[in-house]
Amino acid sequence: MRVLLLYPLFPKSFWSFEKTLELVERKVLLPPLGLVTVAALLPQEWEFKLVDRNVRAVTEDEWAWADLVILSAMIVQKEDFLAQIQEAKRRGKPVAVGGPYPTALPEEAQAADYMILDEGEITLPLFIEAIARGETQGVFRSNGVKPDVTTTPIPRFELLDFSAYDSMAVQFSRGCPFQCEFCDIIVLYGRKPRTKAPQQLLAELNYLYELGWDRSIFMVDDNFIGNKRNVKLFLKELKTWMEDHQYPFSFFTEASVDLAQDPEMMELMVECNFTAVFLGIETPDEDSLALTQKFQNTRDSLSEAVESITKVGLRVMAGFIIGFDNEKPGAGDRIVQFVEKTAIPTALFSMLQVLPDTGLWHRLKKEGRLRGEAGNINQTTLMNFVPTRPLEEIAREYMRAFSELYDPEKFLDRVYRHHLIMGSPKFKAPGKMPAWVDVRALLTVCWRQGVVRSTRFQFWRNLWNIFKHNPKVWDRYLTVCAHNEHFSEYRQIVCDEIEAQLTEYLTAEAEAQKTLKAASTANVEAIAS
């Protein structure tokens, strides 16, 4: 069996970083970890080719070569996912699909021959058995059973074009112990975090090391510290492995805010060369946090948590959302004030989207407030439900806040203040000559932000002070400064697209009101006559 593994296009987004990646001649931030894991779970006598359409298009030779096409996608990839199913069917190729999007909305993927839903460790063997029986279609579900991830094989990383990606991806755990109403992670993977064995993940890292990977790695766990006991056991093993291999990688991940209450965990992460962590802060409004059941963010000071994590040596990235029920006016301004106060450089800011099968989705469906089945978790999309305050008010707050957050001067100021208090690395990795592409990227950033643009004086003053007061983080500091290449353009894209959708929405609302008024007038006249 010759299998073409196909990963659909992502739209331009907060995380796409096109302008920044161009500096280092890379095309995509992260690879499709799910598909290389699928390749490891399928029979190893089968042949595989992987095409990430975010890197390049599929060739006609590859279409002709394939006996079977397998696609995986998230909801945000919906448009190209559906288009590629049609491309495969047009060529007479059987198509199998899986991943978060078809799992959440299987009715939208019915054009595929096989739907391999839920977690592949359970449903891929069912699919393989169906293929062996000669079945030409089928839907395969786990019916609520969660697999033991200690049996998951090493992903087929060799199928990836390493030169295309800025960071690699591995996974230690699935699931999250919390119950945030809007989150689909607990729907997809459950509330009991399941982890791999330490030696199992070290084998994956060892394979990447043997293949020649030597850059950053994203630990894609939705809450890396969900199972704190097992994570600490792993980090202690990882620390030894990193020392023995002279620190070939740096890591970043996602975690809940209660990381700040565990000094041992933070220290271990820094000792293993974790350099950044993404926190789901969502909003500084405690009433909204309580309503959406994100209670873990109400127990301690959020600003103190950010400071504690930064001072230990981890750069904080954070997610923020506007549009929660009963949210008071000015939520966008309060988010900007919080981000400025805490000096979080990278603040992922979105309008709330209702995701299928979440607690929020079920509640709003019961209340008749859904405007669409699928949110796409992108920053350029209006809310897909009827909020408790005017949508126009929320959208205008959002556009104003997003534009302010990524004003080039304000962004650089936060990057500077964040790195000024950041803890230094806990080890000294052996020096190596930087690649020419990295040197050129550094010089380009210095030229654009330190000479060409109005940020020139701010850029050089801040860089001088970093060298003076916290010199061990200068390279990390300049790396985040480079993100300005993306955000200075993306802020305008967000505002333009939201404005266009808002105009369309308001026009439709006005037409609906006009029609309703005309119908009411006609009824009155009919009664009068």
Protein backbone atom coordinates (compact mmCIF):
# COMPACT_ATOMS: atom_id res chain seq x y z
CA MET A 1 0.00 0.00 0.00
CA ARG A 2 1.39 3.40 -1.04
CA VAL A 3 0.06 6.13 1.24
CA LEU A 4 0.17 9.87 0.57
CA LEU A 5 -0.06 11.74 3.89
CA LEU A 6 -1.44 15.19 3.17
CA TYR A 7 -1.54 18.19 5.53
CA PRO A 8 -3.83 21.07 4.46
CA LEU A 9 -3.04 24.76 4.34
CA PHE A 10 -3.42 27.03 7.34
CA PRO A 11 -4.74 30.55 6.72
CA LYS A 12 -2.49 33.42 7.72
CA SER A 13 -2.75 33.65 11.50
CA PHE A 14 -1.19 34.93 14.70
CA TRP A 15 1.22 31.96 14.71
CA SER A 16 2.07 31.84 11.01
CA PHE A 17 5.03 34.26 11.37
CA GLU A 18 5.66 34.41 7.61
CA LYS A 19 7.73 37.59 7.70
CA THR A 20 9.80 36.34 10.63
CA LEU A 21 10.39 32.89 9.14
CA GLU A 22 11.56 34.46 5.88
CA LEU A 23 14.51 35.89 7.80
CA VAL A 24 15.82 32.39 8.53
CA GLU A 25 14.70 30.84 5.22
CA ARG A 26 12.06 28.59 6.78
CA LYS A 27 8.49 28.17 5.65
CA VAL A 28 6.48 26.89 8.60
CA LEU A 29 6.69 27.16 12.36
CA LEU A 30 5.80 23.51 13.16
CA PRO A 31 5.44 20.16 11.35
CA PRO A 32 2.35 17.88 11.31
CA LEU A 33 3.20 15.68 14.30
CA GLY A 34 -0.12 13.85 13.98
CA LEU A 35 0.59 12.58 10.47
CA VAL A 36 4.09 11.30 11.25
CA THR A 37 2.58 9.52 14.26
CA VAL A 38 -0.09 8.01 12.00
CA ALA A 39 2.68 6.76 9.71
CA ALA A 40 4.26 5.00 12.70
CA LEU A 41 0.96 3.38 13.70
CA LEU A 42 0.16 2.01 10.23
CA PRO A 43 1.76 -1.21 8.92
CA GLN A 44 5.45 -0.53 8.42
CA GLU A 45 5.57 -2.55 5.21
CA TRP A 46 3.39 0.15 3.64
CA GLU A 47 5.17 2.97 1.79
CA PHE A 48 4.69 6.60 2.83
CA LYS A 49 5.18 10.05 1.37
CA LEU A 50 4.24 13.16 3.31
CA VAL A 51 3.33 16.51 1.77
CA ASP A 52 2.73 19.50 4.01
CA ARG A 53 0.91 21.94 1.74
CA ASN A 54 2.14 24.77 3.95
CA VAL A 55 5.60 23.90 2.61
CA ARG A 56 4.83 22.92 -0.99
CA ALA A 57 2.12 21.64 -3.34
CA VAL A 58 1.50 17.99 -4.17
CA THR A 59 3.07 16.96 -7.49
CA GLU A 60 1.18 15.05 -10.16
CA ASP A 61 3.69 12.22 -9.76
CA GLU A 62 2.79 11.98 -6.06
CA TRP A 63 -0.93 11.90 -6.84
CA ALA A 64 -0.32 9.15 -9.41
CA TRP A 65 1.91 7.17 -7.01
CA ALA A 66 -0.63 7.00 -4.18
CA ASP A 67 -2.96 4.06 -3.55
CA LEU A 68 -4.51 5.86 -0.59
CA VAL A 69 -4.62 9.50 0.59
CA ILE A 70 -4.78 10.26 4.33
CA LEU A 71 -5.54 13.78 5.58
CA SER A 72 -5.53 15.21 9.10
CA ALA A 73 -6.72 18.70 10.00
CA MET A 74 -7.79 21.16 12.65
CA ILE A 75 -10.93 23.25 12.19
CA VAL A 76 -8.93 26.27 11.06
CA GLN A 77 -7.68 24.19 8.07
CA LYS A 78 -11.24 23.41 6.97
CA GLU A 79 -11.21 25.12 3.56
CA ASP A 80 -8.13 23.41 2.14
CA PHE A 81 -8.95 20.12 3.90
CA LEU A 82 -12.26 19.87 2.02
CA ALA A 83 -10.63 21.02 -1.22
CA GLN A 84 -7.93 18.33 -1.02
CA ILE A 85 -10.54 15.61 -0.44
CA GLN A 86 -12.14 16.70 -3.71
CA GLU A 87 -8.77 16.77 -5.49
CA ALA A 88 -8.09 13.19 -4.40
CA LYS A 89 -11.58 12.00 -5.36
CA ARG A 90 -11.26 13.68 -8.77
CA ARG A 91 -8.22 11.52 -9.36
CA GLY A 92 -10.03 8.38 -8.24
CA LYS A 93 -8.04 7.98 -5.02
CA PRO A 94 -9.63 6.55 -1.86
CA VAL A 95 -9.46 9.06 0.99
CA ALA A 96 -9.16 8.54 4.76
CA VAL A 97 -9.42 11.46 7.19
CA GLY A 98 -8.81 12.04 10.87
CA GLY A 99 -7.71 14.64 13.36
CA PRO A 100 -9.55 17.24 15.49
CA TYR A 101 -11.71 18.71 12.69
CA PRO A 102 -13.39 15.55 11.34
CA THR A 103 -13.59 14.15 14.88
CA ALA A 104 -15.51 17.23 16.05
CA LEU A 105 -17.63 17.63 12.90
CA PRO A 106 -17.74 14.27 11.09
CA GLU A 107 -20.76 15.31 9.04
CA GLU A 108 -18.58 17.85 7.22
CA ALA A 109 -16.10 15.18 6.07
CA GLN A 110 -18.57 12.70 4.61
CA ALA A 111 -17.01 13.01 1.15
CA ALA A 112 -14.12 10.90 2.48
CA ASP A 113 -14.24 7.11 2.13
CA TYR A 114 -12.90 6.40 5.62
CA MET A 115 -13.26 8.50 8.77
CA ILE A 116 -10.64 7.50 11.36
CA LEU A 117 -11.85 9.57 14.31
CA ASP A 118 -10.81 10.07 17.93
CA GLU A 119 -7.32 8.85 18.91
CA GLY A 120 -5.46 6.81 16.32
CA GLU A 121 -3.94 4.23 18.67
CA ILE A 122 -7.44 2.74 18.93
CA THR A 123 -9.11 3.61 15.62
CA LEU A 124 -6.23 3.03 13.17
CA PRO A 125 -6.11 -0.73 13.94
CA LEU A 126 -9.86 -0.86 13.18
CA PHE A 127 -9.19 0.87 9.86
CA ILE A 128 -6.33 -1.53 9.04
CA GLU A 129 -8.62 -4.50 9.70
CA ALA A 130 -11.28 -3.02 7.42
CA ILE A 131 -8.71 -2.53 4.64
CA ALA A 132 -7.59 -6.17 5.06
CA ARG A 133 -11.21 -7.27 4.64
CA GLY A 134 -11.47 -5.30 1.42
CA GLU A 135 -13.93 -2.74 2.77
CA THR A 136 -14.03 0.45 0.71
CA GLN A 137 -15.54 2.75 3.32
CA GLY A 138 -16.13 3.02 7.05
CA VAL A 139 -16.32 5.15 10.16
CA PHE A 140 -14.02 4.15 13.02
CA ARG A 141 -14.56 5.51 16.55
CA SER A 142 -13.17 4.67 19.97
CA ASN A 143 -16.54 5.05 21.74
CA GLY A 144 -15.03 6.93 24.65
CA VAL A 145 -12.06 4.62 25.23
CA LYS A 146 -8.76 6.48 25.71
CA PRO A 147 -5.55 4.75 24.62
CA ASP A 148 -2.52 4.06 26.76
CA VAL A 149 0.04 6.41 25.15
CA THR A 150 2.94 4.40 26.56
CA THR A 151 2.34 2.09 23.56
CA THR A 152 2.59 4.87 20.97
CA PRO A 153 5.58 4.26 18.66
CA ILE A 154 8.26 6.79 17.75
CA PRO A 155 6.83 9.10 15.04
CA ARG A 156 8.28 8.76 11.54
CA PHE A 157 10.18 12.05 11.75
CA GLU A 158 12.32 11.11 8.75
CA LEU A 159 9.32 11.78 6.48
CA LEU A 160 9.61 15.52 7.24
CA ASP A 161 11.66 18.09 5.37
CA PHE A 162 13.62 19.45 8.33
CA SER A 163 14.82 22.51 6.42
CA ALA A 164 11.24 23.81 6.11
CA TYR A 165 10.44 24.00 9.83
CA ASP A 166 11.55 26.46 12.46
CA SER A 167 10.74 24.11 15.36
CA MET A 168 10.09 20.40 15.79
CA ALA A 169 7.15 18.92 17.74
CA VAL A 170 6.88 16.05 20.23
CA GLN A 171 4.16 15.08 22.69
CA PHE A 172 4.52 13.83 26.26
CA SER A 173 0.90 13.88 27.46
CA ARG A 174 -2.73 14.15 26.37
CA GLY A 175 -5.60 15.57 28.36
CA CYS A 176 -6.04 18.31 30.96
CA PRO A 177 -7.39 18.09 34.54
CA PHE A 178 -9.36 21.34 34.35
CA GLN A 179 -12.88 21.99 33.04
CA CYS A 180 -12.83 25.30 31.13
CA GLU A 181 -16.24 25.62 29.50
CA PHE A 182 -14.97 26.84 26.10
CA CYS A 183 -12.10 24.34 25.67
CA ASP A 184 -12.32 21.28 23.41
CA ILE A 185 -9.19 19.57 24.74
CA ILE A 186 -11.09 17.79 27.50
CA VAL A 187 -13.68 16.76 24.90
CA LEU A 188 -11.06 15.30 22.56
CA TYR A 189 -8.61 13.85 25.10
CA GLY A 190 -10.32 13.76 28.49
CA ARG A 191 -9.65 15.25 31.91
CA LYS A 192 -7.20 12.59 33.07
CA PRO A 193 -3.77 13.45 31.64
CA ARG A 194 -2.08 10.39 30.14
CA THR A 195 1.69 10.51 29.75
CA LYS A 196 4.34 8.61 27.91
CA ALA A 197 7.13 6.93 29.86
CA PRO A 198 10.28 9.09 30.27
CA GLN A 199 12.46 6.66 28.30
CA GLN A 200 9.83 6.55 25.56
CA LEU A 201 10.01 10.29 24.91
CA LEU A 202 13.79 10.29 25.29
CA ALA A 203 13.87 7.70 22.49
CA GLU A 204 11.98 10.18 20.30
CA LEU A 205 14.45 12.95 21.15
CA ASN A 206 17.33 10.60 20.50
CA TYR A 207 15.92 9.80 17.07
CA LEU A 208 15.61 13.49 16.25
CA TYR A 209 19.18 13.98 17.43
CA GLU A 210 20.39 11.14 15.19
CA LEU A 211 18.51 12.64 12.24
CA GLY A 212 20.41 15.89 12.76
CA TRP A 213 17.79 18.14 14.34
CA ASP A 214 19.50 20.79 16.50
CA ARG A 215 16.97 23.60 17.02
CA SER A 216 13.95 24.21 19.21
CA ILE A 217 11.26 21.64 20.03
CA PHE A 218 7.67 22.38 20.93
CA MET A 219 6.25 20.05 23.57
CA VAL A 220 2.74 20.16 22.12
CA ASP A 221 0.92 19.03 25.28
CA ASP A 222 -2.13 21.22 25.88
CA ASN A 223 -1.13 21.37 29.54
CA PHE A 224 2.40 20.06 30.00
CA ILE A 225 2.08 20.07 33.80
CA GLY A 226 -1.32 18.35 33.91
CA ASN A 227 0.25 15.29 35.55
CA LYS A 228 2.90 16.96 37.70
CA ARG A 229 4.32 13.77 39.19
CA ASN A 230 5.02 12.17 35.81
CA VAL A 231 6.32 15.40 34.29
CA LYS A 232 8.88 15.80 37.08
CA LEU A 233 10.02 12.22 36.63
CA PHE A 234 10.49 12.91 32.93
CA LEU A 235 12.28 16.23 33.46
CA LYS A 236 14.81 14.60 35.78
CA GLU A 237 15.61 12.05 33.08
CA LEU A 238 15.64 14.75 30.40
CA LYS A 239 18.09 16.85 32.40
CA THR A 240 20.62 14.03 32.37
CA TRP A 241 20.04 13.35 28.66
CA MET A 242 20.55 17.03 27.80
CA GLU A 243 23.77 17.18 29.82
CA ASP A 244 25.10 14.03 28.15
CA HIS A 245 24.26 15.38 24.67
CA GLN A 246 25.55 18.92 25.36
CA TYR A 247 22.15 20.62 25.15
CA PRO A 248 21.30 20.13 21.47
CA PHE A 249 17.72 21.43 21.80
CA SER A 250 15.72 24.16 23.46
CA PHE A 251 12.07 23.55 24.40
CA PHE A 252 8.85 25.50 24.74
CA THR A 253 5.40 24.32 25.75
CA GLU A 254 1.93 25.17 27.12
CA ALA A 255 0.98 25.04 30.78
CA SER A 256 -1.64 26.18 33.23
CA VAL A 257 -0.96 29.28 35.33
CA ASP A 258 -0.48 27.21 38.49
CA LEU A 259 3.01 26.46 37.15
CA ALA A 260 4.01 29.59 39.09
CA GLN A 261 3.17 27.82 42.36
CA ASP A 262 5.65 24.98 41.71
CA PRO A 263 9.25 26.26 42.01
CA GLU A 264 10.68 22.75 41.62
CA MET A 265 8.87 22.29 38.30
CA MET A 266 10.02 25.65 36.96
CA GLU A 267 13.60 25.02 38.03
CA LEU A 268 13.63 21.62 36.34
CA MET A 269 12.24 23.10 33.14
CA VAL A 270 14.89 25.80 33.00
CA GLU A 271 17.64 23.26 33.75
CA CYS A 272 16.39 21.22 30.76
CA ASN A 273 16.61 24.32 28.52
CA PHE A 274 12.93 25.16 28.36
CA THR A 275 12.97 28.79 27.27
CA ALA A 276 9.28 29.72 26.93
CA VAL A 277 5.82 28.70 28.08
CA PHE A 278 2.34 29.60 26.79
CA LEU A 279 -0.25 30.35 29.49
CA GLY A 280 -4.01 30.43 28.97
CA ILE A 281 -4.76 33.57 30.98
CA GLU A 282 -7.87 34.46 28.89
CA THR A 283 -8.92 37.60 30.80
CA PRO A 284 -8.04 39.54 33.95
CA ASP A 285 -11.80 39.76 34.75
CA GLU A 286 -12.41 37.29 37.59
CA ASP A 287 -16.19 37.18 37.00
CA SER A 288 -15.63 35.99 33.42
CA LEU A 289 -13.07 33.42 34.55
CA ALA A 290 -15.50 32.02 37.12
CA LEU A 291 -18.40 31.94 34.64
CA THR A 292 -16.34 29.99 32.10
CA GLN A 293 -15.15 27.64 34.87
CA LYS A 294 -11.48 28.58 34.61
CA PHE A 295 -11.18 28.51 38.38
CA GLN A 296 -7.45 27.74 38.36
CA ASN A 297 -6.86 31.34 37.21
CA THR A 298 -8.77 32.87 40.14
CA ARG A 299 -6.81 31.34 43.01
CA ASP A 300 -3.70 33.54 42.88
CA SER A 301 -2.59 36.83 41.38
CA LEU A 302 -2.18 36.44 37.61
CA SER A 303 0.34 39.28 37.38
CA GLU A 304 2.45 37.77 40.17
CA ALA A 305 2.33 34.39 38.41
CA VAL A 306 3.64 35.92 35.18
CA GLU A 307 6.44 37.68 37.07
CA SER A 308 7.46 34.51 38.95
CA ILE A 309 7.64 32.44 35.78
CA THR A 310 9.61 35.13 33.94
CA LYS A 311 12.12 35.60 36.74
CA VAL A 312 12.97 31.90 36.82
CA GLY A 313 14.02 32.12 33.15
CA LEU A 314 10.93 31.27 31.08
CA ARG A 315 9.57 33.72 28.52
CA VAL A 316 5.82 34.00 28.96
CA MET A 317 3.44 33.87 26.02
CA ALA A 318 -0.25 34.10 26.87
CA GLY A 319 -3.71 33.71 25.39
CA PHE A 320 -6.50 36.26 25.88
CA ILE A 321 -10.16 36.17 24.85
CA ILE A 322 -12.85 38.82 24.56
CA GLY A 323 -16.58 38.13 24.44
CA PHE A 324 -17.39 36.05 27.53
CA ASP A 325 -20.98 36.15 28.79
CA ASN A 326 -21.86 39.09 31.07
CA GLU A 327 -18.52 40.70 30.25
CA LYS A 328 -18.51 44.39 31.18
CA PRO A 329 -17.67 47.07 28.55
CA GLY A 330 -13.99 47.89 28.27
CA ALA A 331 -12.77 44.27 28.40
CA GLY A 332 -10.36 44.93 25.52
CA ASP A 333 -8.83 47.89 27.33
CA ARG A 334 -8.45 45.84 30.52
CA ILE A 335 -6.62 43.11 28.60
CA VAL A 336 -4.25 45.69 27.10
CA GLN A 337 -3.63 47.17 30.55
CA PHE A 338 -2.86 43.72 31.98
CA VAL A 339 -0.49 42.83 29.13
CA GLU A 340 1.32 46.16 29.48
CA LYS A 341 1.53 45.81 33.26
CA THR A 342 3.01 42.30 33.08
CA ALA A 343 5.14 43.06 29.98
CA ILE A 344 4.05 39.87 28.21
CA PRO A 345 5.57 40.27 24.73
CA THR A 346 3.43 37.73 22.83
CA ALA A 347 -0.26 38.02 23.69
CA LEU A 348 -2.49 35.81 21.55
CA PHE A 349 -5.75 37.78 21.45
CA SER A 350 -8.97 36.42 19.92
CA MET A 351 -12.72 36.85 19.96
CA LEU A 352 -14.40 33.94 21.72
CA GLN A 353 -15.35 31.06 19.42
CA VAL A 354 -17.69 28.23 20.40
CA LEU A 355 -16.12 24.89 19.55
CA PRO A 356 -18.21 21.77 18.84
CA ASP A 357 -19.26 19.57 21.75
CA THR A 358 -17.75 21.80 24.45
CA GLY A 359 -19.69 22.76 27.55
CA LEU A 360 -20.12 26.24 26.10
CA TRP A 361 -21.42 24.82 22.80
CA HIS A 362 -24.06 22.71 24.58
CA ARG A 363 -25.16 25.61 26.78
CA LEU A 364 -25.47 28.13 23.95
CA LYS A 365 -27.19 25.60 21.67
CA LYS A 366 -29.79 25.04 24.38
CA GLU A 367 -30.22 28.81 24.66
CA GLY A 368 -30.56 29.17 20.86
CA ARG A 369 -27.55 31.48 20.61
CA LEU A 370 -25.28 29.67 18.12
CA ARG A 371 -24.66 31.47 14.81
CA GLY A 372 -22.61 28.65 13.30
CA GLU A 373 -21.53 25.14 14.21
CA ALA A 374 -17.76 25.57 13.91
CA GLY A 375 -15.52 28.25 15.34
CA ASN A 376 -12.11 28.43 13.71
CA ILE A 377 -10.04 29.89 16.56
CA ASN A 378 -8.51 32.45 14.24
CA GLN A 379 -7.94 36.11 15.06
CA THR A 380 -9.70 37.33 11.92
CA THR A 381 -13.18 35.88 12.57
CA LEU A 382 -16.24 37.31 14.29
CA MET A 383 -17.82 35.33 17.12
CA ASN A 384 -20.02 32.42 16.01
CA PHE A 385 -22.67 32.99 18.67
CA VAL A 386 -24.90 35.78 19.98
CA PRO A 387 -23.02 37.47 22.87
CA THR A 388 -24.60 39.14 25.90
CA ARG A 389 -23.46 42.59 24.82
CA PRO A 390 -23.61 44.09 21.30
CA LEU A 391 -21.36 42.30 18.83
CA GLU A 392 -20.32 45.61 17.28
CA GLU A 393 -19.16 46.88 20.68
CA ILE A 394 -17.06 43.76 21.28
CA ALA A 395 -15.59 43.79 17.75
CA ARG A 396 -14.57 47.44 17.95
CA GLU A 397 -12.98 46.92 21.36
CA TYR A 398 -11.15 43.92 19.94
CA MET A 399 -9.79 45.75 16.88
CA ARG A 400 -8.67 48.72 18.96
CA ALA A 401 -6.97 46.49 21.54
CA PHE A 402 -5.26 44.22 18.99
CA SER A 403 -3.89 47.23 17.13
CA GLU A 404 -2.62 48.76 20.35
CA LEU A 405 -1.02 45.52 21.57
CA TYR A 406 1.01 45.22 18.38
CA ASP A 407 1.94 48.82 17.88
CA PRO A 408 5.65 48.33 16.99
CA GLU A 409 6.95 50.63 19.73
CA LYS A 410 4.74 49.16 22.44
CA PHE A 411 5.63 45.62 21.41
CA LEU A 412 9.37 46.34 21.52
CA ASP A 413 8.97 48.02 24.91
CA ARG A 414 7.28 44.90 26.33
CA VAL A 415 9.95 42.63 24.85
CA TYR A 416 12.59 44.79 26.52
CA ARG A 417 10.90 44.96 29.95
CA HIS A 418 10.19 41.23 29.90
CA HIS A 419 13.78 40.24 29.15
CA LEU A 420 15.19 42.75 31.59
CA ILE A 421 13.77 40.74 34.51
CA MET A 422 14.12 37.31 32.92
CA GLY A 423 16.22 34.76 34.79
CA SER A 424 19.47 33.71 33.15
CA PRO A 425 20.09 30.20 31.75
CA LYS A 426 21.12 27.67 34.42
CA PHE A 427 23.85 26.02 32.37
CA LYS A 428 26.48 26.85 29.79
CA ALA A 429 26.06 24.99 26.53
CA PRO A 430 29.18 24.46 24.44
CA GLY A 431 29.64 27.26 21.96
CA LYS A 432 29.15 26.63 18.26
CA MET A 433 29.54 28.80 15.23
CA PRO A 434 26.17 30.34 14.28
CA ALA A 435 24.85 29.52 10.83
CA TRP A 436 25.18 32.28 8.24
CA VAL A 437 21.39 32.40 7.80
CA ASP A 438 20.99 33.23 11.51
CA VAL A 439 23.67 35.93 11.36
CA ARG A 440 22.00 37.46 8.30
CA ALA A 441 18.60 37.37 10.05
CA LEU A 442 20.11 39.18 13.05
CA LEU A 443 21.67 41.84 10.82
CA THR A 444 18.38 42.29 8.95
CA VAL A 445 16.45 42.84 12.20
CA CYS A 446 19.06 45.38 13.35
CA TRP A 447 18.86 47.19 10.01
CA ARG A 448 15.07 47.32 9.78
CA GLN A 449 14.25 48.07 13.39
CA GLY A 450 17.43 49.96 14.30
CA VAL A 451 17.95 52.06 11.15
CA VAL A 452 15.03 52.14 8.74
CA ARG A 453 12.04 52.43 11.09
CA SER A 454 10.95 54.99 13.66
CA THR A 455 11.87 52.47 16.39
CA ARG A 456 15.59 53.06 15.72
CA PHE A 457 16.46 54.94 18.95
CA GLN A 458 14.31 52.67 21.11
CA PHE A 459 15.85 49.57 19.52
CA TRP A 460 19.47 50.49 20.18
CA ARG A 461 18.81 51.92 23.65
CA ASN A 462 17.01 48.75 24.72
CA LEU A 463 19.63 46.45 23.22
CA TRP A 464 22.38 48.36 25.03
CA ASN A 465 20.55 48.03 28.34
CA ILE A 466 19.98 44.30 27.83
CA PHE A 467 23.72 43.82 27.27
CA LYS A 468 24.38 45.97 30.34
CA HIS A 469 21.86 44.51 32.80
CA ASN A 470 21.02 40.97 31.60
CA PRO A 471 23.58 39.99 28.94
CA LYS A 472 22.96 36.23 29.06
CA VAL A 473 19.54 36.61 27.41
CA TRP A 474 20.54 38.94 24.55
CA ASP A 475 20.04 36.31 21.84
CA ARG A 476 16.59 35.37 23.14
CA TYR A 477 15.72 39.05 23.33
CA LEU A 478 16.62 39.71 19.69
CA THR A 479 14.75 36.58 18.58
CA VAL A 480 11.52 37.98 20.04
CA CYS A 481 12.26 41.43 18.59
CA ALA A 482 12.22 39.70 15.20
CA HIS A 483 8.57 38.74 15.78
CA ASN A 484 7.76 42.40 15.18
CA GLU A 485 8.31 41.68 11.48
CA HIS A 486 5.15 39.58 11.58
CA PHE A 487 2.98 41.52 14.01
CA SER A 488 3.50 44.95 12.48
CA GLU A 489 1.77 43.63 9.33
CA TYR A 490 -0.67 41.18 10.92
CA ARG A 491 -2.32 43.79 13.17
CA GLN A 492 -3.63 45.55 10.07
CA ILE A 493 -4.83 42.27 8.53
CA VAL A 494 -6.84 41.54 11.70
CA CYS A 495 -8.47 44.96 11.74
CA ASP A 496 -9.27 44.94 8.01
CA GLU A 497 -10.85 41.49 8.03
CA ILE A 498 -12.87 42.02 11.22
CA GLU A 499 -14.08 45.39 9.90
CA ALA A 500 -15.20 43.78 6.63
CA GLN A 501 -17.09 41.01 8.45
CA LEU A 502 -18.63 43.49 10.87
CA THR A 503 -19.89 45.64 7.98
CA GLU A 504 -21.41 42.57 6.36
CA TYR A 505 -23.02 41.53 9.66
CA LEU A 506 -24.47 45.00 10.35
CA THR A 507 -25.81 45.25 6.80
CA ALA A 508 -27.52 41.89 7.14
CA GLU A 509 -28.96 42.92 10.52
CA ALA A 510 -30.29 46.17 9.04
CA GLU A 511 -31.89 44.29 6.13
CA ALA A 512 -33.48 41.83 8.55
CA GLN A 513 -34.90 44.67 10.63
CA LYS A 514 -36.19 46.36 7.47
CA THR A 515 -37.90 43.15 6.36
CA LEU A 516 -39.38 42.62 9.81
CA LYS A 517 -40.70 46.19 9.91
CA ALA A 518 -42.23 45.84 6.43
CA ALA A 519 -43.90 42.59 7.44
CA SER A 520 -45.25 44.19 10.61
CA THR A 521 -46.62 47.16 8.67
CA ALA A 522 -48.29 44.82 6.16
CA ASN A 523 -49.92 42.89 9.01
CA VAL A 524 -51.27 46.08 10.57
CA GLU A 525 -52.69 47.25 7.23
CA ALA A 526 -54.26 43.84 6.62
CA ILE A 527 -55.95 43.93 10.03
CA ALA A 528 -57.16 47.52 9.47
CA SER A 529 -58.70 46.63 6.12
